[in-house]
Amino acid sequence: MLNPTKILVPTDFSDHSDKALEEALDIAQQFKATLLLLHVVHENIHHCAGDYCLSDELLRQIEDNMLSGARDAVRKQLGKFPQAANVQVVTEIRWGAPAEEIIQVQEEKGADLIVISPLGKTGIAKYLMGSVTNNVAKGASCSVLILR
């Protein structure tokens, strides 16, 4: 029987991620588990485009702004769910390839359940499982709950 103590919920701030977060909050409340809310920033910023290059300082400023915006978006998303007040929630923002970072966080933090939606901002068709979700399901060393 599954009795999760740490539940990892990756988010891309889509409506589908909201559904996964809502379900994970309910599970966390029921089992008195900690919820790990993760957002992975995966946009690549190119140092140069054509003849124009960004300075290292400007590049760092853009990256810092992206991370700050992601932190604000996580707080805003959590604010949609009053039940979050009844659950210990830890938020984390990472930079990298989403599936790889999700699996790495699961291993580092010892999450025993991942709650994820197969469709998000990059969902091509409503009947296909997203590549991030597919890779997480294949690579995770814990149970993965995939919500539609």
N, C-alpha and C. Protein backbone atom coordinates (compact mmCIF):
# COMPACT_ATOMS: atom_id res chain seq x y z
N MET A 1 0.84 -1.19 0.00
CA MET A 1 0.00 0.00 0.00
C MET A 1 0.88 1.25 0.00
N LEU A 2 0.55 2.15 -0.85
CA LEU A 2 1.30 3.39 -0.96
C LEU A 2 0.96 4.31 0.21
N ASN A 3 1.98 4.76 0.90
CA ASN A 3 1.81 5.71 2.00
C ASN A 3 2.88 6.78 1.83
N PRO A 4 2.65 7.74 0.91
CA PRO A 4 3.71 8.71 0.58
C PRO A 4 4.04 9.64 1.74
N THR A 5 5.33 9.97 1.83
CA THR A 5 5.78 10.94 2.82
C THR A 5 6.28 12.22 2.14
N LYS A 6 6.75 12.10 0.88
CA LYS A 6 7.18 13.26 0.10
C LYS A 6 6.62 13.10 -1.31
N ILE A 7 5.85 14.08 -1.71
CA ILE A 7 5.19 14.05 -3.02
C ILE A 7 5.76 15.16 -3.88
N LEU A 8 6.29 14.80 -5.02
CA LEU A 8 6.88 15.76 -5.96
C LEU A 8 5.86 16.10 -7.04
N VAL A 9 5.63 17.39 -7.24
CA VAL A 9 4.71 17.85 -8.27
C VAL A 9 5.45 18.84 -9.17
N PRO A 10 5.79 18.42 -10.38
CA PRO A 10 6.38 19.36 -11.34
C PRO A 10 5.27 20.24 -11.91
N THR A 11 5.58 21.49 -12.14
CA THR A 11 4.57 22.40 -12.69
C THR A 11 5.14 23.24 -13.81
N ASP A 12 4.28 23.48 -14.81
CA ASP A 12 4.61 24.45 -15.86
C ASP A 12 3.58 25.59 -15.84
N PHE A 13 2.80 25.64 -14.76
CA PHE A 13 1.79 26.69 -14.51
C PHE A 13 0.57 26.59 -15.42
N SER A 14 0.41 25.48 -16.11
CA SER A 14 -0.75 25.29 -16.98
C SER A 14 -1.95 24.83 -16.15
N ASP A 15 -3.13 24.82 -16.77
CA ASP A 15 -4.32 24.30 -16.10
C ASP A 15 -4.14 22.83 -15.75
N HIS A 16 -3.45 22.09 -16.60
CA HIS A 16 -3.20 20.67 -16.34
C HIS A 16 -2.32 20.51 -15.10
N SER A 17 -1.34 21.37 -14.94
CA SER A 17 -0.49 21.33 -13.75
C SER A 17 -1.30 21.69 -12.50
N ASP A 18 -2.24 22.59 -12.65
CA ASP A 18 -3.12 22.94 -11.53
C ASP A 18 -3.89 21.71 -11.05
N LYS A 19 -4.37 20.90 -11.98
CA LYS A 19 -5.11 19.68 -11.61
C LYS A 19 -4.21 18.71 -10.86
N ALA A 20 -2.98 18.55 -11.33
CA ALA A 20 -2.03 17.67 -10.66
C ALA A 20 -1.71 18.19 -9.26
N LEU A 21 -1.52 19.50 -9.13
CA LEU A 21 -1.22 20.10 -7.84
C LEU A 21 -2.39 19.92 -6.88
N GLU A 22 -3.60 20.14 -7.37
CA GLU A 22 -4.77 19.99 -6.50
C GLU A 22 -4.88 18.56 -5.98
N GLU A 23 -4.69 17.58 -6.85
CA GLU A 23 -4.75 16.17 -6.44
C GLU A 23 -3.62 15.86 -5.45
N ALA A 24 -2.43 16.35 -5.73
CA ALA A 24 -1.29 16.09 -4.85
C ALA A 24 -1.49 16.73 -3.47
N LEU A 25 -2.09 17.91 -3.43
CA LEU A 25 -2.39 18.54 -2.14
C LEU A 25 -3.37 17.70 -1.34
N ASP A 26 -4.38 17.15 -2.00
CA ASP A 26 -5.34 16.28 -1.32
C ASP A 26 -4.65 15.03 -0.77
N ILE A 27 -3.79 14.43 -1.57
CA ILE A 27 -3.06 13.23 -1.12
C ILE A 27 -2.12 13.59 0.04
N ALA A 28 -1.41 14.70 -0.09
CA ALA A 28 -0.49 15.13 0.97
C ALA A 28 -1.23 15.39 2.27
N GLN A 29 -2.39 16.01 2.17
CA GLN A 29 -3.18 16.29 3.38
C GLN A 29 -3.65 14.98 4.01
N GLN A 30 -4.10 14.05 3.20
CA GLN A 30 -4.60 12.77 3.69
C GLN A 30 -3.50 11.97 4.41
N PHE A 31 -2.29 11.96 3.85
CA PHE A 31 -1.20 11.16 4.40
C PHE A 31 -0.22 11.99 5.24
N LYS A 32 -0.52 13.27 5.45
CA LYS A 32 0.36 14.17 6.19
C LYS A 32 1.78 14.17 5.59
N ALA A 33 1.81 14.22 4.28
CA ALA A 33 3.07 14.19 3.54
C ALA A 33 3.53 15.60 3.20
N THR A 34 4.81 15.74 2.94
CA THR A 34 5.38 16.99 2.45
C THR A 34 5.19 17.04 0.94
N LEU A 35 4.83 18.21 0.43
CA LEU A 35 4.67 18.39 -1.01
C LEU A 35 5.84 19.22 -1.53
N LEU A 36 6.52 18.69 -2.55
CA LEU A 36 7.63 19.38 -3.19
C LEU A 36 7.14 19.91 -4.53
N LEU A 37 6.99 21.20 -4.65
CA LEU A 37 6.51 21.82 -5.88
C LEU A 37 7.71 22.33 -6.67
N LEU A 38 7.88 21.78 -7.87
CA LEU A 38 9.07 22.05 -8.68
C LEU A 38 8.69 22.69 -10.01
N HIS A 39 9.41 23.74 -10.36
CA HIS A 39 9.32 24.29 -11.71
C HIS A 39 10.73 24.29 -12.30
N VAL A 40 10.82 23.80 -13.52
CA VAL A 40 12.11 23.78 -14.22
C VAL A 40 12.07 24.80 -15.35
N VAL A 41 12.96 25.77 -15.27
CA VAL A 41 13.11 26.76 -16.34
C VAL A 41 13.98 26.12 -17.40
N HIS A 42 13.45 25.95 -18.59
CA HIS A 42 14.21 25.26 -19.62
C HIS A 42 14.51 26.11 -20.85
N GLU A 43 14.17 27.38 -20.80
CA GLU A 43 14.46 28.24 -21.93
C GLU A 43 15.96 28.47 -22.02
N ASN A 44 16.49 28.32 -23.19
CA ASN A 44 17.90 28.59 -23.41
C ASN A 44 18.06 30.02 -23.89
N ILE A 45 18.96 30.72 -23.25
CA ILE A 45 19.27 32.07 -23.66
C ILE A 45 20.60 32.02 -24.40
N HIS A 46 20.59 32.41 -25.63
CA HIS A 46 21.82 32.37 -26.42
C HIS A 46 22.61 33.65 -26.20
N HIS A 47 23.87 33.47 -26.00
CA HIS A 47 24.76 34.59 -25.72
C HIS A 47 24.87 35.53 -26.92
N CYS A 48 24.84 34.97 -28.11
CA CYS A 48 24.97 35.78 -29.32
C CYS A 48 23.90 35.39 -30.34
N ALA A 49 23.43 36.37 -31.06
CA ALA A 49 22.51 36.15 -32.18
C ALA A 49 23.01 37.03 -33.33
N GLY A 50 23.54 36.38 -34.34
CA GLY A 50 24.11 37.15 -35.45
C GLY A 50 25.32 37.91 -34.98
N ASP A 51 25.31 39.21 -35.23
CA ASP A 51 26.44 40.06 -34.84
C ASP A 51 26.26 40.68 -33.45
N TYR A 52 25.14 40.42 -32.83
CA TYR A 52 24.86 41.04 -31.53
C TYR A 52 25.06 40.02 -30.42
N CYS A 53 25.80 40.38 -29.39
CA CYS A 53 26.04 39.51 -28.23
C CYS A 53 25.66 40.23 -26.94
N LEU A 54 25.13 39.46 -26.02
CA LEU A 54 24.80 39.98 -24.70
C LEU A 54 26.04 39.94 -23.81
N SER A 55 26.17 40.93 -22.97
CA SER A 55 27.27 40.90 -22.01
C SER A 55 26.96 39.84 -20.95
N ASP A 56 27.99 39.37 -20.29
CA ASP A 56 27.79 38.37 -19.24
C ASP A 56 26.89 38.94 -18.14
N GLU A 57 27.06 40.20 -17.83
CA GLU A 57 26.24 40.85 -16.79
C GLU A 57 24.77 40.89 -17.21
N LEU A 58 24.50 41.27 -18.43
CA LEU A 58 23.12 41.32 -18.91
C LEU A 58 22.50 39.93 -18.97
N LEU A 59 23.28 38.95 -19.38
CA LEU A 59 22.81 37.57 -19.43
C LEU A 59 22.43 37.08 -18.03
N ARG A 60 23.27 37.35 -17.04
CA ARG A 60 22.96 36.98 -15.65
C ARG A 60 21.71 37.69 -15.17
N GLN A 61 21.55 38.96 -15.53
CA GLN A 61 20.37 39.73 -15.12
C GLN A 61 19.10 39.12 -15.73
N ILE A 62 19.15 38.73 -16.99
CA ILE A 62 17.99 38.11 -17.64
C ILE A 62 17.66 36.78 -16.95
N GLU A 63 18.68 35.97 -16.68
CA GLU A 63 18.45 34.69 -16.01
C GLU A 63 17.88 34.89 -14.62
N ASP A 64 18.40 35.88 -13.88
CA ASP A 64 17.88 36.17 -12.54
C ASP A 64 16.41 36.60 -12.61
N ASN A 65 16.07 37.42 -13.62
CA ASN A 65 14.68 37.85 -13.79
C ASN A 65 13.77 36.66 -14.12
N MET A 66 14.26 35.74 -14.94
CA MET A 66 13.47 34.55 -15.26
C MET A 66 13.21 33.70 -14.02
N LEU A 67 14.24 33.53 -13.19
CA LEU A 67 14.09 32.74 -11.97
C LEU A 67 13.17 33.44 -10.97
N SER A 68 13.30 34.74 -10.87
CA SER A 68 12.42 35.51 -9.99
C SER A 68 10.96 35.42 -10.45
N GLY A 69 10.75 35.52 -11.76
CA GLY A 69 9.40 35.37 -12.31
C GLY A 69 8.82 34.00 -12.04
N ALA A 70 9.66 32.97 -12.12
CA ALA A 70 9.21 31.60 -11.84
C ALA A 70 8.83 31.46 -10.36
N ARG A 71 9.62 32.05 -9.47
CA ARG A 71 9.27 32.01 -8.03
C ARG A 71 7.93 32.68 -7.78
N ASP A 72 7.71 33.82 -8.40
CA ASP A 72 6.43 34.52 -8.25
C ASP A 72 5.28 33.68 -8.79
N ALA A 73 5.49 33.03 -9.92
CA ALA A 73 4.45 32.20 -10.53
C ALA A 73 4.12 31.00 -9.64
N VAL A 74 5.12 30.42 -8.99
CA VAL A 74 4.88 29.30 -8.07
C VAL A 74 4.03 29.78 -6.89
N ARG A 75 4.37 30.92 -6.32
CA ARG A 75 3.58 31.47 -5.20
C ARG A 75 2.14 31.75 -5.64
N LYS A 76 1.98 32.30 -6.83
CA LYS A 76 0.65 32.60 -7.36
C LYS A 76 -0.14 31.30 -7.56
N GLN A 77 0.51 30.28 -8.11
CA GLN A 77 -0.17 29.01 -8.33
C GLN A 77 -0.61 28.40 -7.00
N LEU A 78 0.25 28.40 -6.01
CA LEU A 78 -0.12 27.87 -4.70
C LEU A 78 -1.27 28.65 -4.08
N GLY A 79 -1.31 29.95 -4.34
CA GLY A 79 -2.38 30.79 -3.80
C GLY A 79 -3.76 30.42 -4.31
N LYS A 80 -3.85 29.68 -5.40
CA LYS A 80 -5.13 29.24 -5.94
C LYS A 80 -5.79 28.16 -5.08
N PHE A 81 -5.00 27.54 -4.21
CA PHE A 81 -5.47 26.37 -3.47
C PHE A 81 -5.41 26.61 -1.97
N PRO A 82 -6.57 26.90 -1.36
CA PRO A 82 -6.58 27.15 0.08
C PRO A 82 -6.06 25.97 0.91
N GLN A 83 -6.23 24.72 0.40
CA GLN A 83 -5.79 23.55 1.15
C GLN A 83 -4.27 23.51 1.28
N ALA A 84 -3.55 24.33 0.52
CA ALA A 84 -2.09 24.38 0.63
C ALA A 84 -1.66 24.84 2.02
N ALA A 85 -2.52 25.59 2.70
CA ALA A 85 -2.21 26.07 4.05
C ALA A 85 -2.14 24.91 5.05
N ASN A 86 -2.76 23.77 4.72
CA ASN A 86 -2.80 22.62 5.62
C ASN A 86 -1.72 21.59 5.32
N VAL A 87 -0.83 21.91 4.40
CA VAL A 87 0.20 20.97 3.96
C VAL A 87 1.56 21.67 4.01
N GLN A 88 2.58 20.91 4.40
CA GLN A 88 3.93 21.47 4.33
C GLN A 88 4.36 21.45 2.87
N VAL A 89 4.60 22.63 2.31
CA VAL A 89 4.96 22.76 0.90
C VAL A 89 6.36 23.36 0.81
N VAL A 90 7.20 22.69 0.04
CA VAL A 90 8.55 23.18 -0.25
C VAL A 90 8.60 23.45 -1.75
N THR A 91 9.04 24.64 -2.12
CA THR A 91 9.11 24.97 -3.54
C THR A 91 10.57 25.00 -3.98
N GLU A 92 10.75 24.66 -5.24
CA GLU A 92 12.10 24.67 -5.80
C GLU A 92 12.01 25.06 -7.27
N ILE A 93 12.96 25.89 -7.68
CA ILE A 93 13.10 26.30 -9.07
C ILE A 93 14.45 25.79 -9.54
N ARG A 94 14.45 25.10 -10.67
CA ARG A 94 15.69 24.58 -11.25
C ARG A 94 15.81 25.06 -12.68
N TRP A 95 17.02 25.01 -13.18
CA TRP A 95 17.31 25.38 -14.56
C TRP A 95 17.81 24.12 -15.26
N GLY A 96 17.22 23.75 -16.41
CA GLY A 96 17.72 22.59 -17.13
C GLY A 96 16.65 21.90 -17.95
N ALA A 97 16.90 20.64 -18.27
CA ALA A 97 15.96 19.83 -19.03
C ALA A 97 14.91 19.29 -18.04
N PRO A 98 13.63 19.58 -18.27
CA PRO A 98 12.61 19.24 -17.28
C PRO A 98 12.62 17.80 -16.79
N ALA A 99 12.59 16.82 -17.68
CA ALA A 99 12.52 15.42 -17.22
C ALA A 99 13.74 15.06 -16.37
N GLU A 100 14.91 15.47 -16.82
CA GLU A 100 16.13 15.17 -16.07
C GLU A 100 16.11 15.81 -14.69
N GLU A 101 15.69 17.05 -14.62
CA GLU A 101 15.66 17.75 -13.33
C GLU A 101 14.61 17.16 -12.40
N ILE A 102 13.46 16.77 -12.94
CA ILE A 102 12.41 16.16 -12.11
C ILE A 102 12.94 14.87 -11.47
N ILE A 103 13.57 14.03 -12.27
CA ILE A 103 14.12 12.78 -11.75
C ILE A 103 15.23 13.04 -10.74
N GLN A 104 16.07 14.04 -11.02
CA GLN A 104 17.15 14.37 -10.10
C GLN A 104 16.60 14.85 -8.76
N VAL A 105 15.58 15.72 -8.78
CA VAL A 105 14.98 16.21 -7.54
C VAL A 105 14.33 15.05 -6.79
N GLN A 106 13.65 14.16 -7.52
CA GLN A 106 13.02 13.00 -6.87
C GLN A 106 14.06 12.19 -6.11
N GLU A 107 15.21 11.98 -6.72
CA GLU A 107 16.27 11.20 -6.07
C GLU A 107 16.91 11.97 -4.91
N GLU A 108 17.23 13.24 -5.14
CA GLU A 108 17.89 14.06 -4.11
C GLU A 108 17.02 14.23 -2.88
N LYS A 109 15.74 14.48 -3.08
CA LYS A 109 14.84 14.78 -1.97
C LYS A 109 14.15 13.54 -1.40
N GLY A 110 14.31 12.40 -2.07
CA GLY A 110 13.70 11.18 -1.58
C GLY A 110 12.19 11.14 -1.73
N ALA A 111 11.68 11.75 -2.78
CA ALA A 111 10.24 11.72 -3.02
C ALA A 111 9.82 10.29 -3.32
N ASP A 112 8.68 9.87 -2.74
CA ASP A 112 8.20 8.52 -2.98
C ASP A 112 6.96 8.49 -3.86
N LEU A 113 6.55 9.66 -4.35
CA LEU A 113 5.45 9.75 -5.31
C LEU A 113 5.64 11.01 -6.15
N ILE A 114 5.46 10.88 -7.45
CA ILE A 114 5.44 12.03 -8.35
C ILE A 114 4.03 12.11 -8.91
N VAL A 115 3.42 13.29 -8.81
CA VAL A 115 2.09 13.53 -9.40
C VAL A 115 2.30 14.51 -10.53
N ILE A 116 1.98 14.08 -11.75
CA ILE A 116 2.30 14.88 -12.93
C ILE A 116 1.16 14.77 -13.94
N SER A 117 1.00 15.80 -14.72
CA SER A 117 0.02 15.81 -15.80
C SER A 117 0.73 15.53 -17.12
N PRO A 118 0.10 14.74 -18.00
CA PRO A 118 0.76 14.44 -19.26
C PRO A 118 0.72 15.59 -20.26
N LEU A 119 -0.11 16.57 -20.02
CA LEU A 119 -0.22 17.70 -20.94
C LEU A 119 0.05 18.99 -20.20
N GLY A 120 0.73 19.87 -20.86
CA GLY A 120 1.01 21.17 -20.28
C GLY A 120 1.06 22.20 -21.37
N LYS A 121 1.92 23.15 -21.22
CA LYS A 121 2.03 24.21 -22.22
C LYS A 121 2.47 23.69 -23.57
N THR A 122 3.19 22.58 -23.56
CA THR A 122 3.71 22.07 -24.82
C THR A 122 2.90 20.89 -25.34
N GLY A 123 1.71 20.66 -24.77
CA GLY A 123 0.89 19.54 -25.23
C GLY A 123 0.49 19.72 -26.68
N ILE A 124 0.88 18.79 -27.55
CA ILE A 124 0.59 18.90 -28.98
C ILE A 124 -0.82 18.42 -29.27
N ALA A 125 -1.18 17.32 -28.67
CA ALA A 125 -2.51 16.76 -28.89
C ALA A 125 -3.02 16.23 -27.57
N LYS A 126 -4.31 16.38 -27.34
CA LYS A 126 -4.85 15.99 -26.04
C LYS A 126 -4.82 14.50 -25.80
N TYR A 127 -4.55 13.70 -26.82
CA TYR A 127 -4.54 12.25 -26.65
C TYR A 127 -3.14 11.65 -26.54
N LEU A 128 -2.13 12.46 -26.64
CA LEU A 128 -0.77 11.96 -26.58
C LEU A 128 -0.13 12.33 -25.25
N MET A 129 0.64 11.41 -24.68
CA MET A 129 1.35 11.71 -23.45
C MET A 129 2.57 12.54 -23.79
N GLY A 130 2.81 13.60 -23.04
CA GLY A 130 3.95 14.47 -23.28
C GLY A 130 5.27 13.75 -23.08
N SER A 131 6.29 14.19 -23.77
CA SER A 131 7.59 13.53 -23.68
C SER A 131 8.20 13.69 -22.29
N VAL A 132 7.98 14.82 -21.62
CA VAL A 132 8.51 14.99 -20.27
C VAL A 132 7.87 13.95 -19.35
N THR A 133 6.56 13.84 -19.39
CA THR A 133 5.87 12.88 -18.54
C THR A 133 6.31 11.46 -18.85
N ASN A 134 6.42 11.14 -20.11
CA ASN A 134 6.85 9.81 -20.52
C ASN A 134 8.25 9.50 -19.98
N ASN A 135 9.18 10.44 -20.11
CA ASN A 135 10.54 10.23 -19.63
C ASN A 135 10.61 10.14 -18.12
N VAL A 136 9.78 10.91 -17.43
CA VAL A 136 9.73 10.84 -15.97
C VAL A 136 9.19 9.47 -15.53
N ALA A 137 8.12 9.02 -16.17
CA ALA A 137 7.53 7.72 -15.83
C ALA A 137 8.54 6.59 -16.04
N LYS A 138 9.34 6.69 -17.09
CA LYS A 138 10.35 5.66 -17.37
C LYS A 138 11.53 5.74 -16.42
N GLY A 139 11.93 6.95 -16.04
CA GLY A 139 13.16 7.12 -15.29
C GLY A 139 13.04 7.25 -13.79
N ALA A 140 11.86 7.47 -13.28
CA ALA A 140 11.70 7.67 -11.83
C ALA A 140 11.87 6.36 -11.08
N SER A 141 12.42 6.47 -9.89
CA SER A 141 12.59 5.28 -9.05
C SER A 141 11.49 5.20 -7.99
N CYS A 142 10.40 5.93 -8.22
CA CYS A 142 9.28 5.90 -7.29
C CYS A 142 7.99 5.79 -8.11
N SER A 143 6.87 5.71 -7.42
CA SER A 143 5.58 5.66 -8.10
C SER A 143 5.29 6.99 -8.77
N VAL A 144 4.65 6.92 -9.95
CA VAL A 144 4.29 8.13 -10.70
C VAL A 144 2.79 8.07 -10.98
N LEU A 145 2.08 9.08 -10.50
CA LEU A 145 0.64 9.20 -10.76
C LEU A 145 0.47 10.21 -11.89
N ILE A 146 -0.06 9.74 -13.01
CA ILE A 146 -0.25 10.60 -14.20
C ILE A 146 -1.73 10.95 -14.27
N LEU A 147 -2.03 12.24 -14.17
CA LEU A 147 -3.43 12.71 -14.18
C LEU A 147 -3.76 13.38 -15.50
N ARG A 148 -4.96 13.10 -15.98
CA ARG A 148 -5.45 13.78 -17.19
C ARG A 148 -6.36 14.90 -16.78
